[in-house]
Amino acid sequence: MEPTINRRTILIIIAVLAVILIVVLGIWFFRGSSSNPNTIQGNTDNAFPSGDSRNVPVASQDNFPSDSSIGGGAPAGAATSTIIGDQAINPSSLISGQFKHIIAAPVASATIFPTSTDKIIYLDQGSGNVYQISFVGDQQKRLSLTTILDLRQTFWGGTINSPQAIIGVDSPTGLNFSTLSLHPNSSTTESSLQEFSGPTISNNYYTFTPSPDGKKVFALTRTNGGVTGVITDFNFSNPIKIIDLTFGDWQINWPNLGTITLTTKPSVLLPGSVYTLDLKTKAINRILGGINGLITTISPDTKWLIYSGLNNGRLETSLFSLNTKSSTLLPFATLANKCVWTNKSDKFYCAVPVNPPAGQYPDDWFKGLISFNDDFWQIMTASTTAKIIADPGHLGAFDASHLFLDNQNETLFFINKKDSTVWSLDVREGF
């Protein structure tokens, strides 16, 4: 006689199968909903490494983790921990009142002069007036009455008491550059304010970098045979030719009095190179090359170079030693112009995008087609150790640009690219 299955047994089997199905569907749903749509997966169509850079264990040895260790994937909005030293710290605990909104109105440019101990000079975006403000955001003082509109570029020189600037203003034919300084005005109603004015620079000049002491400027000017680099004062009264170049798409920097760097204009489509120009011997030396989207930031002692570029379609950021001719991959991906050196070259700070969107880097960022939400990292040069020092958290999102430090290396200032306002971050140890 064949065994029979009663109705009760059948119901039990159906119930067990239903529970198993619910569990399987629950796991599938949880895994699918926890993936962050803003996290770029590790394929060569995207510029950034996969995952959230906050999930990277911080290197404490001489070498940073390789690119394969950059990743992770916490659910969107989940609290993640970062290893700093020997202890895990939740990023939300890193705020501690470190950030301060210094200038709430949009600025066109802001800077600190080499002799300044407590003042920032800036150009108001709306009026073009020159202002002075303290490091903590008080004692604001308007210095000029000259209205300057459509400002696009500013290169500062002079001193805190006598600022000078080369400015680029939009026009139908492109940027028009002038060299400006403060002059007494004839107004009796606003006698305390000065005119910020000066002569127009020849249209052949198109890019500039001031000397570290603010007294001179290195400029590139177009010639029939290519491009010529000259050094002059801010009045362009006596330009001295330093070098002739065969093409003109350069980004230039004057890190110390003896050296100038020249980096080809970055593009996702073209390999770039970076060179040093010795101002004493006029010798030009190639440091790196063949890197698409190359951006560089050299240390003041010219011994180290932060550079970013594309490797098989993925953005990487590295530290290059000019002495050993070797590179160390950093445990995060950012654009090198979002980094700044201390004046001792012993450390540097970087604003690092969290979950960056897909895009053509660095072109889309420069064009304003994409925006970042940054964490802030500190990297020690000699030991190549790194740590996250601040997460903006509830303060909102920062896309930091034009980073600069005070002369005591205690406060990091930056312009938030999202609204052109100025913020500060206290970077003192133990703060």
Protein backbone atom coordinates (compact mmCIF):
# COMPACT_ATOMS: atom_id res chain seq x y z
CA MET A 1 0.00 0.00 0.00
CA GLU A 2 1.51 3.39 -1.03
CA PRO A 3 1.99 5.99 1.71
CA THR A 4 -0.43 8.89 1.64
CA ILE A 5 0.29 12.58 2.35
CA ASN A 6 -2.40 14.15 4.42
CA ARG A 7 -3.61 17.71 4.05
CA ARG A 8 -1.75 18.91 7.16
CA THR A 9 1.63 17.76 5.76
CA ILE A 10 0.96 19.55 2.49
CA LEU A 11 0.17 22.80 4.29
CA ILE A 12 3.41 22.54 6.31
CA ILE A 13 5.47 22.04 3.14
CA ILE A 14 3.79 25.04 1.45
CA ALA A 15 4.42 27.22 4.53
CA VAL A 16 8.14 26.28 4.63
CA LEU A 17 8.56 27.03 0.91
CA ALA A 18 6.81 30.40 1.38
CA VAL A 19 9.17 31.35 4.22
CA ILE A 20 12.21 30.42 2.12
CA LEU A 21 10.89 32.49 -0.79
CA ILE A 22 10.30 35.53 1.47
CA VAL A 23 13.84 35.28 2.87
CA VAL A 24 15.39 35.05 -0.63
CA LEU A 25 13.36 38.01 -1.88
CA GLY A 26 14.27 40.02 1.21
CA ILE A 27 17.99 39.44 0.69
CA TRP A 28 17.72 40.37 -2.99
CA PHE A 29 15.78 43.56 -2.16
CA PHE A 30 18.21 44.65 0.56
CA ARG A 31 21.27 44.13 -1.62
CA GLY A 32 19.68 46.00 -4.52
CA SER A 33 18.49 48.97 -2.46
CA SER A 34 21.80 49.41 -0.64
CA SER A 35 23.83 50.06 -3.78
CA ASN A 36 24.54 53.76 -4.20
CA PRO A 37 23.64 55.05 -7.67
CA ASN A 38 26.33 57.72 -7.32
CA THR A 39 29.09 55.21 -6.66
CA ILE A 40 31.16 54.74 -9.78
CA GLN A 41 31.84 51.08 -10.42
CA GLY A 42 35.29 49.92 -11.38
CA ASN A 43 35.16 50.06 -15.16
CA THR A 44 37.29 52.00 -17.59
CA ASP A 45 34.38 54.16 -18.76
CA ASN A 46 34.56 56.17 -15.53
CA ALA A 47 37.32 58.38 -14.21
CA PHE A 48 37.28 57.71 -10.46
CA PRO A 49 38.04 54.48 -8.55
CA SER A 50 34.98 52.66 -7.31
CA GLY A 51 33.47 53.25 -3.92
CA ASP A 52 33.56 55.91 -1.26
CA SER A 53 37.06 57.16 -0.43
CA ARG A 54 36.11 57.36 3.25
CA ASN A 55 36.10 53.54 3.40
CA VAL A 56 39.80 53.27 2.54
CA PRO A 57 42.05 52.12 5.40
CA VAL A 58 44.57 54.89 5.96
CA ALA A 59 48.13 53.88 5.19
CA SER A 60 50.54 53.94 8.12
CA GLN A 61 53.50 52.42 6.29
CA ASP A 62 55.88 53.85 3.72
CA ASN A 63 53.61 52.95 0.80
CA PHE A 64 49.97 53.70 0.27
CA PRO A 65 47.53 50.94 -0.71
CA SER A 66 47.40 50.06 -4.38
CA ASP A 67 44.46 51.09 -6.54
CA SER A 68 42.82 47.68 -6.11
CA SER A 69 42.26 48.46 -2.42
CA ILE A 70 40.38 51.66 -3.14
CA GLY A 71 36.74 50.83 -2.87
CA GLY A 72 34.15 49.54 -0.55
CA GLY A 73 30.50 50.35 -0.80
CA ALA A 74 28.57 51.38 2.26
CA PRO A 75 24.85 51.89 1.69
CA ALA A 76 23.94 55.47 0.83
CA GLY A 77 23.64 57.51 4.00
CA ALA A 78 25.17 54.83 6.19
CA ALA A 79 27.67 55.81 8.88
CA THR A 80 31.15 54.63 7.93
CA SER A 81 34.32 54.44 9.98
CA THR A 82 37.78 55.54 8.96
CA ILE A 83 40.95 54.21 10.53
CA ILE A 84 43.05 57.09 11.86
CA GLY A 85 46.13 55.96 13.72
CA ASP A 86 45.08 52.99 15.85
CA GLN A 87 41.44 53.82 16.36
CA ALA A 88 38.30 53.89 14.25
CA ILE A 89 36.56 57.26 14.13
CA ASN A 90 33.09 57.93 12.78
CA PRO A 91 33.41 60.79 10.25
CA SER A 92 30.60 62.71 11.97
CA SER A 93 32.85 63.10 15.03
CA LEU A 94 35.43 64.98 12.99
CA ILE A 95 33.45 68.24 12.70
CA SER A 96 34.04 69.67 16.18
CA GLY A 97 33.46 73.25 15.08
CA GLN A 98 36.55 73.25 12.85
CA PHE A 99 34.83 74.88 9.87
CA LYS A 100 34.02 78.58 9.85
CA HIS A 101 32.22 80.66 7.23
CA ILE A 102 34.66 83.56 6.76
CA ILE A 103 33.08 85.43 3.83
CA ALA A 104 29.38 84.77 3.22
CA ALA A 105 29.11 86.85 0.03
CA PRO A 106 30.46 85.41 -3.26
CA VAL A 107 34.06 86.37 -4.03
CA ALA A 108 35.94 86.55 -7.30
CA SER A 109 39.27 85.85 -5.60
CA ALA A 110 40.88 85.72 -2.15
CA THR A 111 44.47 85.47 -0.92
CA ILE A 112 46.92 85.86 1.94
CA PHE A 113 50.16 87.79 1.47
CA PRO A 114 53.54 86.42 2.66
CA THR A 115 53.84 89.03 5.44
CA SER A 116 50.20 88.83 6.56
CA THR A 117 49.55 87.32 9.99
CA ASP A 118 45.81 87.81 10.37
CA LYS A 119 44.24 89.34 7.23
CA ILE A 120 42.75 88.10 3.97
CA ILE A 121 42.43 90.30 0.89
CA TYR A 122 39.58 89.53 -1.50
CA LEU A 123 37.65 90.86 -4.48
CA ASP A 124 33.89 90.96 -4.06
CA GLN A 125 32.22 89.15 -6.96
CA GLY A 126 29.26 91.48 -7.22
CA SER A 127 31.12 94.80 -7.26
CA GLY A 128 34.79 94.02 -7.83
CA ASN A 129 35.64 96.12 -4.75
CA VAL A 130 38.71 95.15 -2.72
CA TYR A 131 38.06 94.11 0.88
CA GLN A 132 40.15 93.12 3.86
CA ILE A 133 38.92 90.74 6.57
CA SER A 134 40.43 88.91 9.54
CA PHE A 135 41.14 85.19 9.61
CA VAL A 136 38.11 84.63 11.84
CA GLY A 137 35.71 86.58 9.63
CA ASP A 138 35.42 89.88 11.51
CA GLN A 139 36.98 93.35 11.10
CA GLN A 140 35.83 93.53 7.50
CA LYS A 141 37.07 96.68 5.78
CA ARG A 142 36.35 97.94 2.29
CA LEU A 143 39.48 99.33 0.62
CA SER A 144 38.41 100.42 -2.85
CA LEU A 145 35.52 102.13 -4.62
CA THR A 146 36.29 100.89 -8.14
CA THR A 147 33.57 98.72 -9.67
CA ILE A 148 34.91 95.78 -11.69
CA LEU A 149 32.40 93.44 -13.32
CA ASP A 150 32.74 90.10 -15.14
CA LEU A 151 35.93 89.12 -13.33
CA ARG A 152 37.26 85.74 -14.41
CA GLN A 153 40.90 85.55 -13.28
CA THR A 154 43.01 87.23 -10.61
CA PHE A 155 46.75 87.00 -9.90
CA TRP A 156 47.78 88.73 -6.66
CA GLY A 157 51.03 90.50 -5.84
CA GLY A 158 52.33 93.33 -3.70
CA THR A 159 51.83 93.34 0.06
CA ILE A 160 48.96 93.38 2.53
CA ASN A 161 49.29 97.17 2.82
CA SER A 162 49.80 97.75 -0.89
CA PRO A 163 48.09 94.98 -2.88
CA GLN A 164 48.48 94.64 -6.61
CA ALA A 165 46.67 92.32 -9.00
CA ILE A 166 46.50 91.26 -12.59
CA ILE A 167 42.85 90.70 -13.45
CA GLY A 168 41.14 89.12 -16.44
CA VAL A 169 37.74 90.54 -17.40
CA ASP A 170 35.32 88.98 -19.88
CA SER A 171 34.83 90.77 -23.20
CA PRO A 172 33.33 89.84 -26.58
CA THR A 173 36.83 89.06 -27.85
CA GLY A 174 37.97 87.06 -24.80
CA LEU A 175 39.71 88.01 -21.58
CA ASN A 176 41.17 91.51 -21.27
CA PHE A 177 43.92 91.80 -18.66
CA SER A 178 44.88 94.83 -16.60
CA THR A 179 47.37 95.37 -13.81
CA LEU A 180 45.81 97.18 -10.85
CA SER A 181 46.96 98.79 -7.63
CA LEU A 182 45.39 101.01 -4.99
CA HIS A 183 45.59 104.79 -5.55
CA PRO A 184 44.19 107.72 -3.53
CA ASN A 185 40.92 109.01 -5.00
CA SER A 186 39.59 112.54 -5.35
CA SER A 187 36.19 111.84 -3.82
CA THR A 188 35.41 113.98 -0.78
CA THR A 189 32.51 111.77 0.33
CA GLU A 190 34.49 108.53 0.29
CA SER A 191 37.98 109.82 0.99
CA SER A 192 38.87 106.73 3.03
CA LEU A 193 38.48 104.51 -0.05
CA GLN A 194 40.98 104.20 -2.89
CA GLU A 195 40.80 103.53 -6.60
CA PHE A 196 41.89 100.07 -7.69
CA SER A 197 43.08 100.84 -11.18
CA GLY A 198 45.93 100.59 -13.62
CA PRO A 199 46.94 100.14 -17.26
CA THR A 200 45.67 97.49 -19.65
CA ILE A 201 48.16 94.76 -20.51
CA SER A 202 48.93 93.89 -24.12
CA ASN A 203 46.56 91.26 -25.51
CA ASN A 204 49.56 89.11 -26.38
CA TYR A 205 49.95 88.26 -22.68
CA TYR A 206 47.52 85.55 -21.62
CA THR A 207 48.66 83.75 -18.44
CA PHE A 208 50.59 84.81 -15.36
CA THR A 209 52.05 83.60 -12.07
CA PRO A 210 53.36 85.93 -9.33
CA SER A 211 56.66 85.31 -7.55
CA PRO A 212 56.44 83.92 -4.00
CA ASP A 213 57.34 87.33 -2.53
CA GLY A 214 54.75 89.13 -4.68
CA LYS A 215 57.29 91.48 -6.25
CA LYS A 216 57.54 90.04 -9.78
CA VAL A 217 55.40 88.15 -12.25
CA PHE A 218 56.23 85.49 -14.82
CA ALA A 219 54.04 85.86 -17.89
CA LEU A 220 53.60 84.12 -21.23
CA THR A 221 53.15 86.20 -24.35
CA ARG A 222 52.32 85.03 -27.86
CA THR A 223 54.91 85.69 -30.54
CA ASN A 224 55.11 84.90 -34.24
CA GLY A 225 57.22 81.82 -33.59
CA GLY A 226 55.31 80.50 -30.59
CA VAL A 227 55.37 81.69 -26.98
CA THR A 228 57.88 83.67 -24.91
CA GLY A 229 58.12 83.63 -21.13
CA VAL A 230 59.16 86.89 -19.44
CA ILE A 231 59.71 88.15 -15.90
CA THR A 232 58.61 91.68 -15.10
CA ASP A 233 57.20 93.87 -12.36
CA PHE A 234 53.45 94.29 -12.01
CA ASN A 235 53.57 97.44 -14.16
CA PHE A 236 55.16 95.49 -17.04
CA SER A 237 57.69 98.30 -17.32
CA ASN A 238 60.75 96.19 -18.11
CA PRO A 239 59.98 92.61 -19.18
CA ILE A 240 63.03 90.33 -19.40
CA LYS A 241 62.86 87.31 -21.72
CA ILE A 242 63.51 84.03 -19.95
CA ILE A 243 62.50 81.30 -22.40
CA ASP A 244 60.98 80.62 -25.82
CA LEU A 245 58.42 77.83 -26.22
CA THR A 246 56.99 76.22 -29.33
CA PHE A 247 53.36 76.07 -28.16
CA GLY A 248 51.21 77.96 -25.70
CA ASP A 249 48.73 75.85 -23.74
CA TRP A 250 50.47 75.98 -20.33
CA GLN A 251 49.53 76.24 -16.68
CA ILE A 252 52.39 77.95 -14.84
CA ASN A 253 53.40 78.20 -11.20
CA TRP A 254 56.24 79.95 -9.31
CA PRO A 255 56.77 77.85 -6.13
CA ASN A 256 60.08 79.40 -5.05
CA LEU A 257 62.33 82.20 -6.27
CA GLY A 258 64.58 79.86 -8.26
CA THR A 259 62.07 77.63 -10.05
CA ILE A 260 58.99 77.88 -12.25
CA THR A 261 56.86 74.90 -13.30
CA LEU A 262 55.05 74.55 -16.62
CA THR A 263 52.29 71.96 -17.03
CA THR A 264 50.43 71.43 -20.27
CA LYS A 265 46.76 72.39 -20.10
CA PRO A 266 44.88 69.35 -18.76
CA SER A 267 42.43 67.45 -20.95
CA VAL A 268 40.88 64.02 -20.73
CA LEU A 269 41.68 63.59 -24.43
CA LEU A 270 45.36 64.55 -24.45
CA PRO A 271 48.51 63.29 -22.68
CA GLY A 272 50.13 66.02 -20.58
CA SER A 273 53.63 66.77 -19.31
CA VAL A 274 55.16 68.89 -16.56
CA TYR A 275 58.51 70.69 -16.64
CA THR A 276 60.67 72.71 -14.26
CA LEU A 277 62.41 75.89 -15.40
CA ASP A 278 65.60 76.81 -13.52
CA LEU A 279 65.67 80.61 -13.44
CA LYS A 280 69.42 80.73 -12.85
CA THR A 281 70.56 78.44 -15.66
CA LYS A 282 67.43 78.80 -17.85
CA ALA A 283 67.45 74.99 -18.14
CA ILE A 284 64.10 73.26 -18.59
CA ASN A 285 63.66 69.68 -17.41
CA ARG A 286 60.80 67.26 -18.00
CA ILE A 287 59.52 65.67 -14.77
CA LEU A 288 56.59 63.56 -15.95
CA GLY A 289 54.69 63.04 -19.16
CA GLY A 290 52.28 60.95 -21.18
CA ILE A 291 49.43 61.30 -18.63
CA ASN A 292 45.98 62.28 -19.86
CA GLY A 293 44.23 64.94 -17.76
CA LEU A 294 47.48 65.79 -15.95
CA ILE A 295 47.24 68.39 -13.15
CA THR A 296 50.16 69.17 -10.82
CA THR A 297 50.90 70.96 -7.55
CA ILE A 298 54.59 71.22 -6.66
CA SER A 299 55.96 71.73 -3.14
CA PRO A 300 57.64 75.03 -2.20
CA ASP A 301 61.03 73.30 -1.88
CA THR A 302 60.45 71.73 -5.35
CA LYS A 303 61.32 68.26 -4.05
CA TRP A 304 57.81 66.81 -4.30
CA LEU A 305 54.99 66.91 -6.82
CA ILE A 306 51.33 66.03 -6.29
CA TYR A 307 49.85 65.00 -9.62
CA SER A 308 46.57 63.59 -10.85
CA GLY A 309 45.72 62.00 -14.15
CA LEU A 310 43.99 59.13 -15.88
CA ASN A 311 45.24 55.54 -15.78
CA ASN A 312 43.16 53.27 -18.01
CA GLY A 313 40.29 55.72 -17.76
CA ARG A 314 40.39 56.00 -13.94
CA LEU A 315 41.55 59.07 -12.08
CA GLU A 316 44.51 58.53 -9.76
CA THR A 317 46.38 60.93 -7.48
CA SER A 318 50.05 60.32 -6.68
CA LEU A 319 53.04 61.88 -4.94
CA PHE A 320 56.23 62.08 -7.00
CA SER A 321 59.71 62.52 -5.53
CA LEU A 322 61.94 64.66 -7.74
CA ASN A 323 64.97 63.26 -5.90
CA THR A 324 64.28 59.54 -6.34
CA LYS A 325 62.17 59.88 -9.50
CA SER A 326 59.55 57.58 -7.98
CA SER A 327 55.80 57.85 -7.44
CA THR A 328 53.59 56.79 -4.54
CA LEU A 329 49.89 56.24 -5.22
CA LEU A 330 47.71 58.07 -2.72
CA PRO A 331 44.78 56.25 -1.07
CA PHE A 332 42.21 58.55 -2.66
CA ALA A 333 41.41 60.13 -6.00
CA THR A 334 41.15 63.88 -6.38
CA LEU A 335 42.31 66.61 -8.72
CA ALA A 336 45.78 67.84 -7.79
CA ASN A 337 44.65 71.48 -7.85
CA LYS A 338 42.39 70.62 -4.89
CA CYS A 339 45.56 70.15 -2.80
CA VAL A 340 47.79 72.70 -1.06
CA TRP A 341 51.26 72.47 0.50
CA THR A 342 52.46 73.90 3.80
CA ASN A 343 55.25 76.44 3.39
CA LYS A 344 57.67 73.90 4.94
CA SER A 345 56.75 71.19 2.39
CA ASP A 346 56.43 68.71 5.27
CA LYS A 347 52.74 68.00 4.64
CA PHE A 348 49.88 68.84 2.34
CA TYR A 349 46.10 68.94 2.47
CA CYS A 350 43.62 67.76 -0.14
CA ALA A 351 39.89 68.13 -0.66
CA VAL A 352 38.74 64.68 -1.76
CA PRO A 353 35.42 63.96 -3.53
CA VAL A 354 33.09 61.46 -1.85
CA ASN A 355 31.08 59.33 -4.30
CA PRO A 356 32.02 61.49 -7.31
CA PRO A 357 29.63 61.38 -10.26
CA ALA A 358 30.54 59.85 -13.59
CA GLY A 359 32.14 62.30 -15.98
CA GLN A 360 35.04 63.25 -18.21
CA TYR A 361 37.73 64.30 -15.75
CA PRO A 362 39.09 66.88 -15.28
CA ASP A 363 37.29 68.70 -18.12
CA ASP A 364 33.75 68.44 -16.76
CA TRP A 365 34.77 69.83 -13.36
CA PHE A 366 36.52 72.85 -14.87
CA LYS A 367 33.50 73.51 -17.09
CA GLY A 368 31.17 73.39 -14.10
CA LEU A 369 29.23 70.43 -15.50
CA ILE A 370 29.73 68.40 -12.31
CA SER A 371 30.24 69.25 -8.65
CA PHE A 372 31.89 67.40 -5.77
CA ASN A 373 31.17 66.86 -2.08
CA ASP A 374 34.57 66.84 -0.38
CA ASP A 375 36.17 65.38 2.70
CA PHE A 376 39.51 66.88 3.82
CA TRP A 377 42.70 64.84 4.15
CA GLN A 378 46.17 65.52 5.57
CA ILE A 379 49.22 63.72 4.15
CA MET A 380 52.66 63.74 5.76
CA THR A 381 55.32 64.00 3.06
CA ALA A 382 58.25 62.02 4.51
CA SER A 383 56.29 59.08 5.92
CA THR A 384 53.51 59.19 3.31
CA THR A 385 50.89 58.62 6.00
CA ALA A 386 47.43 60.02 5.50
CA LYS A 387 44.29 60.67 7.47
CA ILE A 388 40.92 62.29 7.08
CA ILE A 389 40.88 65.42 9.23
CA ALA A 390 37.37 66.69 8.56
CA ASP A 391 34.02 65.73 7.11
CA PRO A 392 31.69 68.72 6.61
CA GLY A 393 28.72 66.61 7.73
CA HIS A 394 25.68 68.69 8.66
CA LEU A 395 27.29 71.92 7.42
CA GLY A 396 26.46 70.94 3.89
CA ALA A 397 28.48 70.07 0.83
CA PHE A 398 31.78 71.72 -0.09
CA ASP A 399 33.43 71.58 -3.50
CA ALA A 400 36.68 73.17 -2.41
CA SER A 401 38.78 75.21 -4.84
CA HIS A 402 41.64 77.73 -4.58
CA LEU A 403 42.94 76.26 -1.32
CA PHE A 404 45.50 78.32 0.65
CA LEU A 405 47.04 78.23 4.13
CA ASP A 406 47.95 80.99 6.53
CA ASN A 407 51.68 81.60 7.02
CA GLN A 408 51.69 79.62 10.28
CA ASN A 409 50.12 76.56 8.57
CA GLU A 410 47.35 76.53 11.17
CA THR A 411 44.29 77.42 9.09
CA LEU A 412 43.23 76.11 5.70
CA PHE A 413 41.10 78.47 3.61
CA PHE A 414 39.16 77.59 0.48
CA ILE A 415 36.51 78.92 -1.87
CA ASN A 416 33.42 76.72 -2.07
CA LYS A 417 32.92 76.31 -5.80
CA LYS A 418 29.18 75.77 -5.25
CA ASP A 419 28.53 79.37 -4.13
CA SER A 420 31.95 81.16 -4.32
CA THR A 421 32.02 81.88 -0.57
CA VAL A 422 35.11 81.51 1.63
CA TRP A 423 35.43 78.99 4.46
CA SER A 424 38.23 78.09 6.85
CA LEU A 425 39.23 74.83 8.51
CA ASP A 426 41.42 74.73 11.62
CA VAL A 427 44.19 72.19 10.91
CA ARG A 428 46.18 72.59 14.12
CA GLU A 429 47.22 69.28 15.66
CA GLY A 430 45.13 68.41 18.67
CA PHE A 431 42.50 71.02 17.93
